[in-house]
Amino acid sequence: MSDPVDALVLDLLEWIGPRPRSYAEVIDAWRTSCPRLPVWEEANARGYIVHEHAEGIGTLISVSETGLSQLDQHRRAGGPVPDNRRAASISNLEE
């Protein structure tokens, strides 16, 4: 994965992790105004994210089967597991 957005998409999937997170939490952590970093949009477009409405809670976000498969494939290929240093990666690309 040479594209920085690809690496950040994997980072997003790792960050969401095994349990659903609220939409507000995900957007708060992953929103960016940089058009070169469409991480959230790419993850959705690739089918890596599931949106589910939970009564009384709101929208929950989780990693789809496709997203889990992508993470597993990346790990088996010997790729580095993202280490959630997203902020540093974003600040380097936005400069």
C-alpha atoms as a PDB file:
ATOM      1  CA  MET A   1       0.000   0.000   0.000  1.00  0.00           C
ATOM      2  CA  SER A   2       1.910   2.972  -1.223  1.00  0.00           C
ATOM      3  CA  ASP A   3      -1.037   5.395  -1.229  1.00  0.00           C
ATOM      4  CA  PRO A   4      -1.285   7.295   2.094  1.00  0.00           C
ATOM      5  CA  VAL A   5      -5.083   7.134   1.923  1.00  0.00           C
ATOM      6  CA  ASP A   6      -4.957   3.315   1.710  1.00  0.00           C
ATOM      7  CA  ALA A   7      -2.815   3.168   4.835  1.00  0.00           C
ATOM      8  CA  LEU A   8      -5.133   5.557   6.664  1.00  0.00           C
ATOM      9  CA  VAL A   9      -8.191   3.534   5.625  1.00  0.00           C
ATOM     10  CA  LEU A  10      -6.600   0.502   7.297  1.00  0.00           C
ATOM     11  CA  ASP A  11      -5.836   2.675  10.313  1.00  0.00           C
ATOM     12  CA  LEU A  12      -9.500   3.712  10.474  1.00  0.00           C
ATOM     13  CA  LEU A  13     -10.632   0.083  10.355  1.00  0.00           C
ATOM     14  CA  GLU A  14      -8.183  -0.863  13.124  1.00  0.00           C
ATOM     15  CA  TRP A  15      -9.314   2.151  15.170  1.00  0.00           C
ATOM     16  CA  ILE A  16     -12.973   1.201  14.893  1.00  0.00           C
ATOM     17  CA  GLY A  17     -11.930  -2.219  16.096  1.00  0.00           C
ATOM     18  CA  PRO A  18     -14.087  -5.161  17.062  1.00  0.00           C
ATOM     19  CA  ARG A  19     -16.923  -3.196  18.674  1.00  0.00           C
ATOM     20  CA  PRO A  20     -19.240  -0.651  17.060  1.00  0.00           C
ATOM     21  CA  ARG A  21     -18.582   3.018  17.755  1.00  0.00           C
ATOM     22  CA  SER A  22     -21.023   5.889  17.568  1.00  0.00           C
ATOM     23  CA  TYR A  23     -21.156   7.851  14.345  1.00  0.00           C
ATOM     24  CA  ALA A  24     -20.389  11.053  16.285  1.00  0.00           C
ATOM     25  CA  GLU A  25     -17.258   9.498  17.806  1.00  0.00           C
ATOM     26  CA  VAL A  26     -16.014   8.266  14.434  1.00  0.00           C
ATOM     27  CA  ILE A  27     -16.649  11.529  12.620  1.00  0.00           C
ATOM     28  CA  ASP A  28     -15.121  13.547  15.439  1.00  0.00           C
ATOM     29  CA  ALA A  29     -11.928  11.500  15.233  1.00  0.00           C
ATOM     30  CA  TRP A  30     -11.747  11.023  11.464  1.00  0.00           C
ATOM     31  CA  ARG A  31     -13.201  14.161   9.894  1.00  0.00           C
ATOM     32  CA  THR A  32     -10.761  16.137   7.758  1.00  0.00           C
ATOM     33  CA  SER A  33     -11.174  19.035   5.367  1.00  0.00           C
ATOM     34  CA  CYS A  34      -8.172  17.984   3.299  1.00  0.00           C
ATOM     35  CA  PRO A  35      -9.358  16.804  -0.129  1.00  0.00           C
ATOM     36  CA  ARG A  36      -6.235  14.642  -0.416  1.00  0.00           C
ATOM     37  CA  LEU A  37      -7.346  12.582   2.588  1.00  0.00           C
ATOM     38  CA  PRO A  38     -10.821  11.219   1.875  1.00  0.00           C
ATOM     39  CA  VAL A  39     -10.333   8.414   4.406  1.00  0.00           C
ATOM     40  CA  TRP A  40     -13.923   8.189   5.679  1.00  0.00           C
ATOM     41  CA  GLU A  41     -15.330   8.514   2.167  1.00  0.00           C
ATOM     42  CA  GLU A  42     -12.972   5.865   0.754  1.00  0.00           C
ATOM     43  CA  ALA A  43     -13.742   3.394   3.535  1.00  0.00           C
ATOM     44  CA  ASN A  44     -17.463   3.816   2.840  1.00  0.00           C
ATOM     45  CA  ALA A  45     -17.096   3.673  -0.946  1.00  0.00           C
ATOM     46  CA  ARG A  46     -15.085   0.446  -0.682  1.00  0.00           C
ATOM     47  CA  GLY A  47     -17.765  -1.158   1.490  1.00  0.00           C
ATOM     48  CA  TYR A  48     -15.509  -1.438   4.541  1.00  0.00           C
ATOM     49  CA  ILE A  49     -17.928   0.320   6.911  1.00  0.00           C
ATOM     50  CA  VAL A  50     -21.377  -0.670   8.182  1.00  0.00           C
ATOM     51  CA  HIS A  51     -23.875   1.924   9.460  1.00  0.00           C
ATOM     52  CA  GLU A  52     -26.607   0.595  11.759  1.00  0.00           C
ATOM     53  CA  HIS A  53     -29.264   2.497  13.646  1.00  0.00           C
ATOM     54  CA  ALA A  54     -29.683   1.501  17.291  1.00  0.00           C
ATOM     55  CA  GLU A  55     -32.902   2.703  18.898  1.00  0.00           C
ATOM     56  CA  GLY A  56     -32.178   5.224  21.630  1.00  0.00           C
ATOM     57  CA  ILE A  57     -28.476   5.363  20.758  1.00  0.00           C
ATOM     58  CA  GLY A  58     -28.270   6.567  17.167  1.00  0.00           C
ATOM     59  CA  THR A  59     -26.086   5.422  14.324  1.00  0.00           C
ATOM     60  CA  LEU A  60     -23.380   2.900  15.128  1.00  0.00           C
ATOM     61  CA  ILE A  61     -20.388   2.301  12.883  1.00  0.00           C
ATOM     62  CA  SER A  62     -18.597  -1.020  12.583  1.00  0.00           C
ATOM     63  CA  VAL A  63     -16.197  -2.746  10.205  1.00  0.00           C
ATOM     64  CA  SER A  64     -17.942  -4.788   7.508  1.00  0.00           C
ATOM     65  CA  GLU A  65     -17.013  -8.330   6.518  1.00  0.00           C
ATOM     66  CA  THR A  66     -15.280  -6.822   3.474  1.00  0.00           C
ATOM     67  CA  GLY A  67     -13.303  -4.485   5.728  1.00  0.00           C
ATOM     68  CA  LEU A  68     -12.321  -7.327   8.053  1.00  0.00           C
ATOM     69  CA  SER A  69     -11.229  -9.339   5.030  1.00  0.00           C
ATOM     70  CA  GLN A  70      -9.105  -6.421   3.798  1.00  0.00           C
ATOM     71  CA  LEU A  71      -7.422  -6.098   7.204  1.00  0.00           C
ATOM     72  CA  ASP A  72      -6.766  -9.838   7.306  1.00  0.00           C
ATOM     73  CA  GLN A  73      -5.355  -9.838   3.765  1.00  0.00           C
ATOM     74  CA  HIS A  74      -3.052  -6.927   4.623  1.00  0.00           C
ATOM     75  CA  ARG A  75      -1.792  -8.718   7.732  1.00  0.00           C
ATOM     76  CA  ARG A  76      -1.170 -11.979   5.851  1.00  0.00           C
ATOM     77  CA  ALA A  77       0.774 -10.089   3.191  1.00  0.00           C
ATOM     78  CA  GLY A  78       3.125  -8.976   5.940  1.00  0.00           C
ATOM     79  CA  GLY A  79       2.014  -5.380   5.868  1.00  0.00           C
ATOM     80  CA  PRO A  80       2.486  -3.330   8.991  1.00  0.00           C
ATOM     81  CA  VAL A  81      -0.489  -3.140  11.297  1.00  0.00           C
ATOM     82  CA  PRO A  82      -1.523   0.500  11.605  1.00  0.00           C
ATOM     83  CA  ASP A  83      -0.461   1.956  14.913  1.00  0.00           C
ATOM     84  CA  ASN A  84      -3.116   4.667  15.219  1.00  0.00           C
ATOM     85  CA  ARG A  85      -0.715   7.533  14.730  1.00  0.00           C
ATOM     86  CA  ARG A  86      -3.258   9.041  12.382  1.00  0.00           C
ATOM     87  CA  ALA A  87      -2.829  12.641  13.535  1.00  0.00           C
ATOM     88  CA  ALA A  88       0.861  12.648  12.681  1.00  0.00           C
ATOM     89  CA  SER A  89       0.165  11.164   9.243  1.00  0.00           C
ATOM     90  CA  ILE A  90      -2.518  13.720   8.500  1.00  0.00           C
ATOM     91  CA  SER A  91      -0.463  16.697   9.607  1.00  0.00           C
ATOM     92  CA  ASN A  92       2.413  15.562   7.372  1.00  0.00           C
ATOM     93  CA  LEU A  93       0.139  15.286   4.327  1.00  0.00           C
ATOM     94  CA  GLU A  94      -1.729  18.541   4.905  1.00  0.00           C
ATOM     95  CA  GLU A  95       1.453  20.616   4.975  1.00  0.00           C
END
